[in-house]
């Protein structure tokens, strides 16, 4: 099942929306289902990020209510994951963002994340190493497949 399918299947939560979609968006309030649908993630993923303190929705009864800040933080978390950073590294980046108010000296803005030169170089080295390992595994599997009789 694709990520998009999982997100749509997971978005049938019992958490009720307290306002109409237009009212919620204008107020900068979002339900867990809204964020799951909009970002293509599961409800479980959002609850996991909440349990790790990366996002902090308020509660309206039993329902989680996410702010525009939570939505922006989620976008940064997902960008960090896409770039291969761990949640511990992403948490540190978010903490730096909060301290500096989003402005960083000698940092590059990469999809909204402020990354230092050292962070970029280190991540590039890690990703290149992972790519080499993946290419080696693909080569080995392709060679094994070529030795098997055709089905």
N, C-alpha and C. Protein backbone atom coordinates (compact mmCIF):
# COMPACT_ATOMS: atom_id res chain seq x y z
N UNK A 1 0.85 -1.18 0.00
CA UNK A 1 0.00 0.00 0.00
C UNK A 1 0.90 1.24 0.00
N UNK A 2 0.58 2.20 -0.82
CA UNK A 2 1.40 3.41 -0.93
C UNK A 2 1.23 4.29 0.29
N UNK A 3 2.17 5.23 0.47
CA UNK A 3 2.08 6.19 1.57
C UNK A 3 0.77 6.97 1.50
N UNK A 4 0.41 7.37 0.29
CA UNK A 4 -0.82 8.14 0.11
C UNK A 4 -2.03 7.30 0.52
N UNK A 5 -2.05 6.02 0.14
CA UNK A 5 -3.16 5.15 0.51
C UNK A 5 -3.21 4.95 2.01
N UNK A 6 -2.04 4.76 2.64
CA UNK A 6 -1.99 4.62 4.08
C UNK A 6 -2.51 5.86 4.78
N UNK A 7 -2.14 7.02 4.27
CA UNK A 7 -2.58 8.27 4.88
C UNK A 7 -4.09 8.40 4.77
N UNK A 8 -4.64 8.04 3.63
CA UNK A 8 -6.08 8.16 3.45
C UNK A 8 -6.80 7.13 4.31
N UNK A 9 -6.26 5.91 4.40
CA UNK A 9 -6.89 4.88 5.23
C UNK A 9 -6.82 5.28 6.70
N UNK A 10 -5.71 5.87 7.10
CA UNK A 10 -5.52 6.26 8.49
C UNK A 10 -6.25 7.53 8.87
N UNK A 11 -6.77 8.26 7.91
CA UNK A 11 -7.39 9.54 8.22
C UNK A 11 -8.84 9.41 8.64
N UNK A 12 -9.34 8.18 8.80
CA UNK A 12 -10.71 8.00 9.25
C UNK A 12 -10.77 7.90 10.76
N UNK A 13 -10.09 8.83 11.42
CA UNK A 13 -10.02 8.87 12.87
C UNK A 13 -11.36 9.26 13.47
N UNK A 14 -11.54 8.91 14.74
CA UNK A 14 -12.75 9.27 15.44
C UNK A 14 -12.65 10.66 16.06
N UNK A 15 -11.50 11.32 15.88
CA UNK A 15 -11.34 12.66 16.43
C UNK A 15 -12.17 13.63 15.60
N UNK A 16 -13.10 14.29 16.24
CA UNK A 16 -14.04 15.16 15.54
C UNK A 16 -13.45 16.54 15.32
N UNK A 17 -13.87 17.17 14.26
CA UNK A 17 -13.47 18.53 13.95
C UNK A 17 -14.48 19.47 14.58
N UNK A 18 -13.97 20.47 15.32
CA UNK A 18 -14.87 21.36 16.04
C UNK A 18 -15.37 22.51 15.18
N UNK A 19 -14.77 22.75 14.04
CA UNK A 19 -15.17 23.85 13.16
C UNK A 19 -15.23 23.34 11.74
N UNK A 20 -15.83 24.14 10.87
CA UNK A 20 -15.86 23.77 9.47
C UNK A 20 -14.46 23.89 8.90
N UNK A 21 -14.15 23.26 7.76
CA UNK A 21 -12.80 23.35 7.19
C UNK A 21 -12.34 24.78 6.97
N UNK A 22 -13.21 25.65 6.47
CA UNK A 22 -12.81 27.03 6.20
C UNK A 22 -12.50 27.77 7.50
N UNK A 23 -13.33 27.55 8.53
CA UNK A 23 -13.10 28.23 9.81
C UNK A 23 -11.79 27.75 10.44
N UNK A 24 -11.52 26.46 10.38
CA UNK A 24 -10.31 25.92 10.99
C UNK A 24 -9.07 26.45 10.29
N UNK A 25 -9.08 26.49 8.96
CA UNK A 25 -7.91 26.97 8.23
C UNK A 25 -7.67 28.45 8.49
N UNK A 26 -8.75 29.24 8.57
CA UNK A 26 -8.59 30.67 8.84
C UNK A 26 -8.02 30.89 10.23
N UNK A 27 -8.42 30.06 11.20
CA UNK A 27 -7.95 30.20 12.57
C UNK A 27 -6.58 29.56 12.75
N UNK A 28 -6.10 28.87 11.74
CA UNK A 28 -4.81 28.19 11.86
C UNK A 28 -4.89 26.97 12.75
N UNK A 29 -6.06 26.34 12.78
CA UNK A 29 -6.25 25.14 13.57
C UNK A 29 -6.53 23.97 12.63
N UNK A 30 -5.92 22.84 12.95
CA UNK A 30 -6.03 21.67 12.09
C UNK A 30 -6.23 20.44 12.96
N UNK A 31 -7.01 19.49 12.47
CA UNK A 31 -7.16 18.22 13.17
C UNK A 31 -6.03 17.30 12.75
N UNK A 32 -5.89 16.20 13.46
CA UNK A 32 -4.88 15.22 13.11
C UNK A 32 -5.14 14.66 11.70
N UNK A 33 -6.43 14.51 11.36
CA UNK A 33 -6.79 14.01 10.03
C UNK A 33 -6.41 15.00 8.94
N UNK A 34 -6.57 16.30 9.24
CA UNK A 34 -6.18 17.32 8.27
C UNK A 34 -4.70 17.20 7.93
N UNK A 35 -3.88 17.15 8.98
CA UNK A 35 -2.43 17.10 8.75
C UNK A 35 -2.02 15.80 8.08
N UNK A 36 -2.61 14.69 8.50
CA UNK A 36 -2.29 13.40 7.88
C UNK A 36 -2.59 13.44 6.39
N UNK A 37 -3.75 13.96 6.06
CA UNK A 37 -4.16 14.04 4.64
C UNK A 37 -3.26 15.01 3.88
N UNK A 38 -3.04 16.19 4.44
CA UNK A 38 -2.28 17.22 3.74
C UNK A 38 -0.82 16.84 3.51
N UNK A 39 -0.23 16.10 4.45
CA UNK A 39 1.19 15.76 4.34
C UNK A 39 1.42 14.32 3.90
N UNK A 40 0.36 13.54 3.73
CA UNK A 40 0.52 12.16 3.29
C UNK A 40 1.21 11.28 4.31
N UNK A 41 0.91 11.50 5.58
CA UNK A 41 1.46 10.67 6.65
C UNK A 41 0.32 10.00 7.39
N UNK A 42 0.64 9.04 8.23
CA UNK A 42 -0.39 8.35 8.99
C UNK A 42 -0.66 9.08 10.31
N UNK A 43 -1.80 8.76 10.89
CA UNK A 43 -2.13 9.30 12.20
C UNK A 43 -1.10 8.82 13.22
N UNK A 44 -0.66 7.59 13.05
CA UNK A 44 0.34 7.03 13.96
C UNK A 44 1.64 7.84 13.91
N UNK A 45 2.03 8.26 12.72
CA UNK A 45 3.24 9.08 12.57
C UNK A 45 3.09 10.38 13.35
N UNK A 46 1.96 11.03 13.22
CA UNK A 46 1.74 12.29 13.93
C UNK A 46 1.75 12.08 15.44
N UNK A 47 1.12 11.02 15.90
CA UNK A 47 1.12 10.73 17.34
C UNK A 47 2.54 10.42 17.82
N UNK A 48 3.32 9.74 16.97
CA UNK A 48 4.71 9.44 17.33
C UNK A 48 5.51 10.73 17.47
N UNK A 49 5.38 11.66 16.51
CA UNK A 49 6.09 12.93 16.60
C UNK A 49 5.65 13.71 17.83
N UNK A 50 4.39 13.61 18.18
CA UNK A 50 3.90 14.27 19.39
C UNK A 50 4.54 13.63 20.62
N UNK A 51 4.62 12.31 20.66
CA UNK A 51 5.20 11.62 21.82
C UNK A 51 6.68 11.96 21.98
N UNK A 52 7.33 12.33 20.90
CA UNK A 52 8.75 12.71 20.94
C UNK A 52 8.94 14.20 21.19
N UNK A 53 7.83 14.93 21.34
CA UNK A 53 7.92 16.35 21.65
C UNK A 53 8.26 17.23 20.46
N UNK A 54 8.13 16.71 19.26
CA UNK A 54 8.46 17.49 18.06
C UNK A 54 7.31 18.42 17.66
N UNK A 55 6.09 17.98 17.92
CA UNK A 55 4.92 18.83 17.72
C UNK A 55 4.09 18.74 19.00
N UNK A 56 3.32 19.77 19.28
CA UNK A 56 2.58 19.80 20.54
C UNK A 56 1.18 20.36 20.35
N UNK A 57 0.26 19.52 19.89
CA UNK A 57 -1.10 20.00 19.71
C UNK A 57 -1.78 20.26 21.05
N UNK A 58 -2.75 21.15 21.04
CA UNK A 58 -3.57 21.34 22.22
C UNK A 58 -4.71 20.33 22.14
N UNK A 59 -5.50 20.27 23.19
CA UNK A 59 -6.62 19.33 23.21
C UNK A 59 -7.93 20.09 23.31
N UNK A 60 -8.89 19.60 22.58
CA UNK A 60 -10.26 20.09 22.70
C UNK A 60 -11.08 18.84 22.99
N UNK A 61 -11.28 18.55 24.27
CA UNK A 61 -11.86 17.27 24.67
C UNK A 61 -10.84 16.19 24.39
N UNK A 62 -11.22 15.23 23.58
CA UNK A 62 -10.30 14.14 23.21
C UNK A 62 -9.56 14.43 21.90
N UNK A 63 -9.98 15.46 21.19
CA UNK A 63 -9.40 15.75 19.87
C UNK A 63 -8.12 16.57 20.00
N UNK A 64 -7.17 16.28 19.14
CA UNK A 64 -5.95 17.06 19.05
C UNK A 64 -6.22 18.24 18.11
N UNK A 65 -5.75 19.42 18.51
CA UNK A 65 -5.90 20.60 17.67
C UNK A 65 -4.49 21.13 17.39
N UNK A 66 -4.11 21.10 16.13
CA UNK A 66 -2.77 21.53 15.72
C UNK A 66 -2.82 22.98 15.26
N UNK A 67 -1.80 23.73 15.63
CA UNK A 67 -1.70 25.14 15.25
C UNK A 67 -0.93 25.28 13.94
N UNK A 68 -0.90 26.50 13.44
CA UNK A 68 -0.10 26.79 12.24
C UNK A 68 1.37 26.50 12.54
N UNK A 69 1.81 26.76 13.77
CA UNK A 69 3.20 26.47 14.16
C UNK A 69 3.48 24.97 14.08
N UNK A 70 2.55 24.15 14.59
CA UNK A 70 2.71 22.69 14.50
C UNK A 70 2.78 22.25 13.04
N UNK A 71 1.96 22.85 12.21
CA UNK A 71 1.94 22.52 10.78
C UNK A 71 3.28 22.85 10.14
N UNK A 72 3.83 24.02 10.47
CA UNK A 72 5.13 24.43 9.92
C UNK A 72 6.24 23.50 10.43
N UNK A 73 6.18 23.15 11.72
CA UNK A 73 7.18 22.24 12.29
C UNK A 73 7.10 20.87 11.62
N UNK A 74 5.88 20.40 11.35
CA UNK A 74 5.72 19.11 10.67
C UNK A 74 6.36 19.15 9.29
N UNK A 75 6.18 20.25 8.58
CA UNK A 75 6.80 20.38 7.26
C UNK A 75 8.33 20.29 7.38
N UNK A 76 8.90 20.93 8.40
CA UNK A 76 10.35 20.88 8.61
C UNK A 76 10.80 19.48 9.01
N UNK A 77 10.03 18.82 9.85
CA UNK A 77 10.36 17.45 10.26
C UNK A 77 10.41 16.54 9.04
N UNK A 78 9.41 16.63 8.20
CA UNK A 78 9.35 15.77 7.02
C UNK A 78 10.46 16.10 6.03
N UNK A 79 10.80 17.37 5.90
CA UNK A 79 11.92 17.75 5.03
C UNK A 79 13.22 17.17 5.59
N UNK A 80 13.40 17.28 6.90
CA UNK A 80 14.59 16.70 7.54
C UNK A 80 14.68 15.21 7.32
N UNK A 81 13.54 14.50 7.45
CA UNK A 81 13.53 13.06 7.21
C UNK A 81 13.86 12.76 5.75
N UNK A 82 13.31 13.56 4.83
CA UNK A 82 13.59 13.37 3.40
C UNK A 82 15.08 13.53 3.12
N UNK A 83 15.73 14.43 3.83
CA UNK A 83 17.16 14.67 3.64
C UNK A 83 18.02 13.66 4.40
N UNK A 84 17.38 12.74 5.12
CA UNK A 84 18.11 11.66 5.77
C UNK A 84 18.56 11.95 7.19
N UNK A 85 18.07 13.00 7.81
CA UNK A 85 18.45 13.31 9.18
C UNK A 85 17.63 12.46 10.15
N UNK A 86 18.23 12.17 11.30
CA UNK A 86 17.51 11.43 12.34
C UNK A 86 16.59 12.38 13.09
N UNK A 87 15.65 11.81 13.84
CA UNK A 87 14.75 12.66 14.62
C UNK A 87 15.51 13.42 15.71
N UNK A 88 16.56 12.85 16.23
CA UNK A 88 17.38 13.56 17.23
C UNK A 88 18.01 14.79 16.58
N UNK A 89 18.54 14.62 15.38
CA UNK A 89 19.14 15.76 14.66
C UNK A 89 18.07 16.80 14.31
N UNK A 90 16.91 16.33 13.90
CA UNK A 90 15.83 17.25 13.55
C UNK A 90 15.36 18.01 14.78
N UNK A 91 15.27 17.33 15.92
CA UNK A 91 14.88 18.00 17.16
C UNK A 91 15.86 19.13 17.48
N UNK A 92 17.15 18.88 17.31
CA UNK A 92 18.16 19.92 17.56
C UNK A 92 18.00 21.08 16.60
N UNK A 93 17.71 20.78 15.33
CA UNK A 93 17.51 21.84 14.34
C UNK A 93 16.30 22.69 14.70
N UNK A 94 15.22 22.04 15.13
CA UNK A 94 14.01 22.76 15.52
C UNK A 94 14.27 23.63 16.75
N UNK A 95 15.05 23.10 17.68
CA UNK A 95 15.39 23.87 18.88
C UNK A 95 16.21 25.10 18.50
N UNK A 96 17.14 24.93 17.56
CA UNK A 96 17.94 26.07 17.09
C UNK A 96 17.05 27.09 16.39
N UNK A 97 16.09 26.61 15.61
CA UNK A 97 15.15 27.51 14.93
C UNK A 97 14.38 28.34 15.96
N UNK A 98 13.93 27.66 17.02
CA UNK A 98 13.16 28.35 18.05
C UNK A 98 14.00 29.41 18.76
N UNK A 99 15.25 29.07 19.05
CA UNK A 99 16.15 30.01 19.75
C UNK A 99 16.47 31.22 18.89
N UNK A 100 16.76 30.97 17.63
CA UNK A 100 17.21 32.04 16.74
C UNK A 100 16.06 32.74 16.03
N UNK A 101 14.87 32.25 16.21
CA UNK A 101 13.74 32.85 15.53
C UNK A 101 13.77 32.65 14.03
N UNK A 102 14.42 31.60 13.58
CA UNK A 102 14.45 31.29 12.16
C UNK A 102 15.63 31.88 11.41
N UNK A 103 16.35 32.82 12.00
CA UNK A 103 17.50 33.43 11.32
C UNK A 103 18.78 32.78 11.82
N UNK A 104 19.62 32.36 10.89
CA UNK A 104 20.88 31.73 11.27
C UNK A 104 22.03 32.34 10.48
N UNK A 105 23.12 32.60 11.20
CA UNK A 105 24.31 33.12 10.54
C UNK A 105 25.04 31.98 9.85
N UNK A 106 25.55 32.24 8.66
CA UNK A 106 26.35 31.28 7.90
C UNK A 106 25.66 29.93 7.76
N UNK A 107 24.38 29.95 7.47
CA UNK A 107 23.62 28.72 7.28
C UNK A 107 22.85 28.83 5.97
N UNK A 108 22.68 27.67 5.36
CA UNK A 108 21.90 27.62 4.12
C UNK A 108 20.48 27.18 4.45
N UNK A 109 19.53 27.76 3.77
CA UNK A 109 18.14 27.36 3.94
C UNK A 109 17.88 26.23 2.96
N UNK A 110 17.66 25.04 3.51
CA UNK A 110 17.39 23.86 2.68
C UNK A 110 15.98 23.40 3.01
N UNK A 111 15.04 23.76 2.17
CA UNK A 111 13.64 23.39 2.39
C UNK A 111 13.09 23.90 3.69
N UNK A 112 13.57 25.05 4.14
CA UNK A 112 13.10 25.64 5.39
C UNK A 112 13.99 25.32 6.57
N UNK A 113 14.87 24.34 6.44
CA UNK A 113 15.81 24.01 7.51
C UNK A 113 17.07 24.84 7.35
N UNK A 114 17.54 25.40 8.44
CA UNK A 114 18.80 26.14 8.42
C UNK A 114 19.92 25.15 8.72
N UNK A 115 20.76 24.88 7.73
CA UNK A 115 21.84 23.90 7.88
C UNK A 115 23.19 24.57 7.72
N UNK A 116 24.09 24.22 8.62
CA UNK A 116 25.45 24.75 8.52
C UNK A 116 26.20 24.00 7.43
N UNK A 117 27.30 24.55 7.02
CA UNK A 117 28.15 23.89 6.01
C UNK A 117 28.56 22.50 6.49
N UNK A 118 28.95 22.40 7.75
CA UNK A 118 29.37 21.11 8.31
C UNK A 118 28.23 20.08 8.27
N UNK A 119 27.02 20.52 8.61
CA UNK A 119 25.87 19.62 8.57
C UNK A 119 25.62 19.12 7.16
N UNK A 120 25.72 20.00 6.20
CA UNK A 120 25.47 19.63 4.80
C UNK A 120 26.54 18.65 4.32
N UNK A 121 27.80 18.96 4.59
CA UNK A 121 28.90 18.09 4.16
C UNK A 121 28.78 16.71 4.81
N UNK A 122 28.51 16.70 6.11
CA UNK A 122 28.39 15.42 6.82
C UNK A 122 27.22 14.59 6.28
N UNK A 123 26.10 15.24 6.01
CA UNK A 123 24.93 14.52 5.50
C UNK A 123 25.18 14.02 4.08
N UNK A 124 25.84 14.83 3.26
CA UNK A 124 26.18 14.38 1.91
C UNK A 124 27.09 13.15 1.95
N UNK A 125 28.08 13.16 2.84
CA UNK A 125 28.97 12.00 2.98
C UNK A 125 28.18 10.75 3.38
N UNK A 126 27.27 10.91 4.34
CA UNK A 126 26.47 9.78 4.80
C UNK A 126 25.58 9.25 3.68
N UNK A 127 24.90 10.15 2.97
CA UNK A 127 24.01 9.72 1.89
C UNK A 127 24.77 9.07 0.74
N UNK A 128 25.95 9.60 0.43
CA UNK A 128 26.77 8.99 -0.64
C UNK A 128 27.21 7.59 -0.23
N UNK A 129 27.56 7.42 1.03
CA UNK A 129 27.95 6.10 1.54
C UNK A 129 26.78 5.13 1.45
N UNK A 130 25.60 5.59 1.85
CA UNK A 130 24.41 4.75 1.76
C UNK A 130 24.09 4.40 0.31
N UNK A 131 24.26 5.37 -0.59
CA UNK A 131 24.00 5.11 -2.01
C UNK A 131 24.96 4.04 -2.52
N UNK A 132 26.22 4.09 -2.13
CA UNK A 132 27.19 3.09 -2.57
C UNK A 132 26.80 1.70 -2.07
N UNK A 133 26.34 1.62 -0.81
CA UNK A 133 25.91 0.34 -0.26
C UNK A 133 24.68 -0.19 -1.01
N UNK A 134 23.75 0.69 -1.33
CA UNK A 134 22.54 0.30 -2.05
C UNK A 134 22.90 -0.16 -3.47
N UNK A 135 23.78 0.57 -4.15
CA UNK A 135 24.19 0.19 -5.50
C UNK A 135 24.88 -1.17 -5.50
N UNK A 136 25.69 -1.44 -4.47
CA UNK A 136 26.36 -2.72 -4.35
C UNK A 136 25.34 -3.85 -4.15
N UNK A 137 24.35 -3.61 -3.30
CA UNK A 137 23.31 -4.61 -3.05
C UNK A 137 22.51 -4.86 -4.32
N UNK A 138 22.19 -3.81 -5.07
CA UNK A 138 21.44 -3.96 -6.32
C UNK A 138 22.24 -4.79 -7.32
N UNK A 139 23.52 -4.49 -7.45
CA UNK A 139 24.38 -5.23 -8.37
C UNK A 139 24.41 -6.72 -8.01
N UNK A 140 24.55 -7.01 -6.72
CA UNK A 140 24.60 -8.39 -6.27
C UNK A 140 23.27 -9.11 -6.54
N UNK A 141 22.18 -8.43 -6.25
CA UNK A 141 20.86 -9.04 -6.50
C UNK A 141 20.59 -9.22 -7.99
N UNK A 142 20.98 -8.26 -8.80
CA UNK A 142 20.80 -8.39 -10.25
C UNK A 142 21.60 -9.56 -10.80
N UNK A 143 22.82 -9.75 -10.29
CA UNK A 143 23.66 -10.88 -10.73
C UNK A 143 23.01 -12.20 -10.32
N UNK A 144 22.46 -12.26 -9.13
CA UNK A 144 21.78 -13.48 -8.66
C UNK A 144 20.55 -13.76 -9.49
N UNK A 145 19.79 -12.72 -9.80
CA UNK A 145 18.59 -12.88 -10.61
C UNK A 145 18.94 -13.37 -12.02
N UNK A 146 20.03 -12.87 -12.58
CA UNK A 146 20.44 -13.26 -13.92
C UNK A 146 20.83 -14.73 -13.98
N UNK A 147 21.31 -15.29 -12.86
CA UNK A 147 21.70 -16.71 -12.83
C UNK A 147 20.51 -17.66 -12.69
N UNK A 148 19.36 -17.12 -12.29
CA UNK A 148 18.18 -17.97 -12.12
C UNK A 148 17.51 -18.21 -13.48
N UNK A 149 16.88 -19.39 -13.62
CA UNK A 149 16.16 -19.65 -14.87
C UNK A 149 14.96 -18.72 -14.96
N UNK A 150 14.62 -18.34 -16.18
CA UNK A 150 13.47 -17.46 -16.42
C UNK A 150 12.20 -18.19 -16.00
N UNK A 151 11.28 -17.45 -15.43
CA UNK A 151 10.02 -18.06 -14.96
C UNK A 151 9.05 -18.27 -16.07
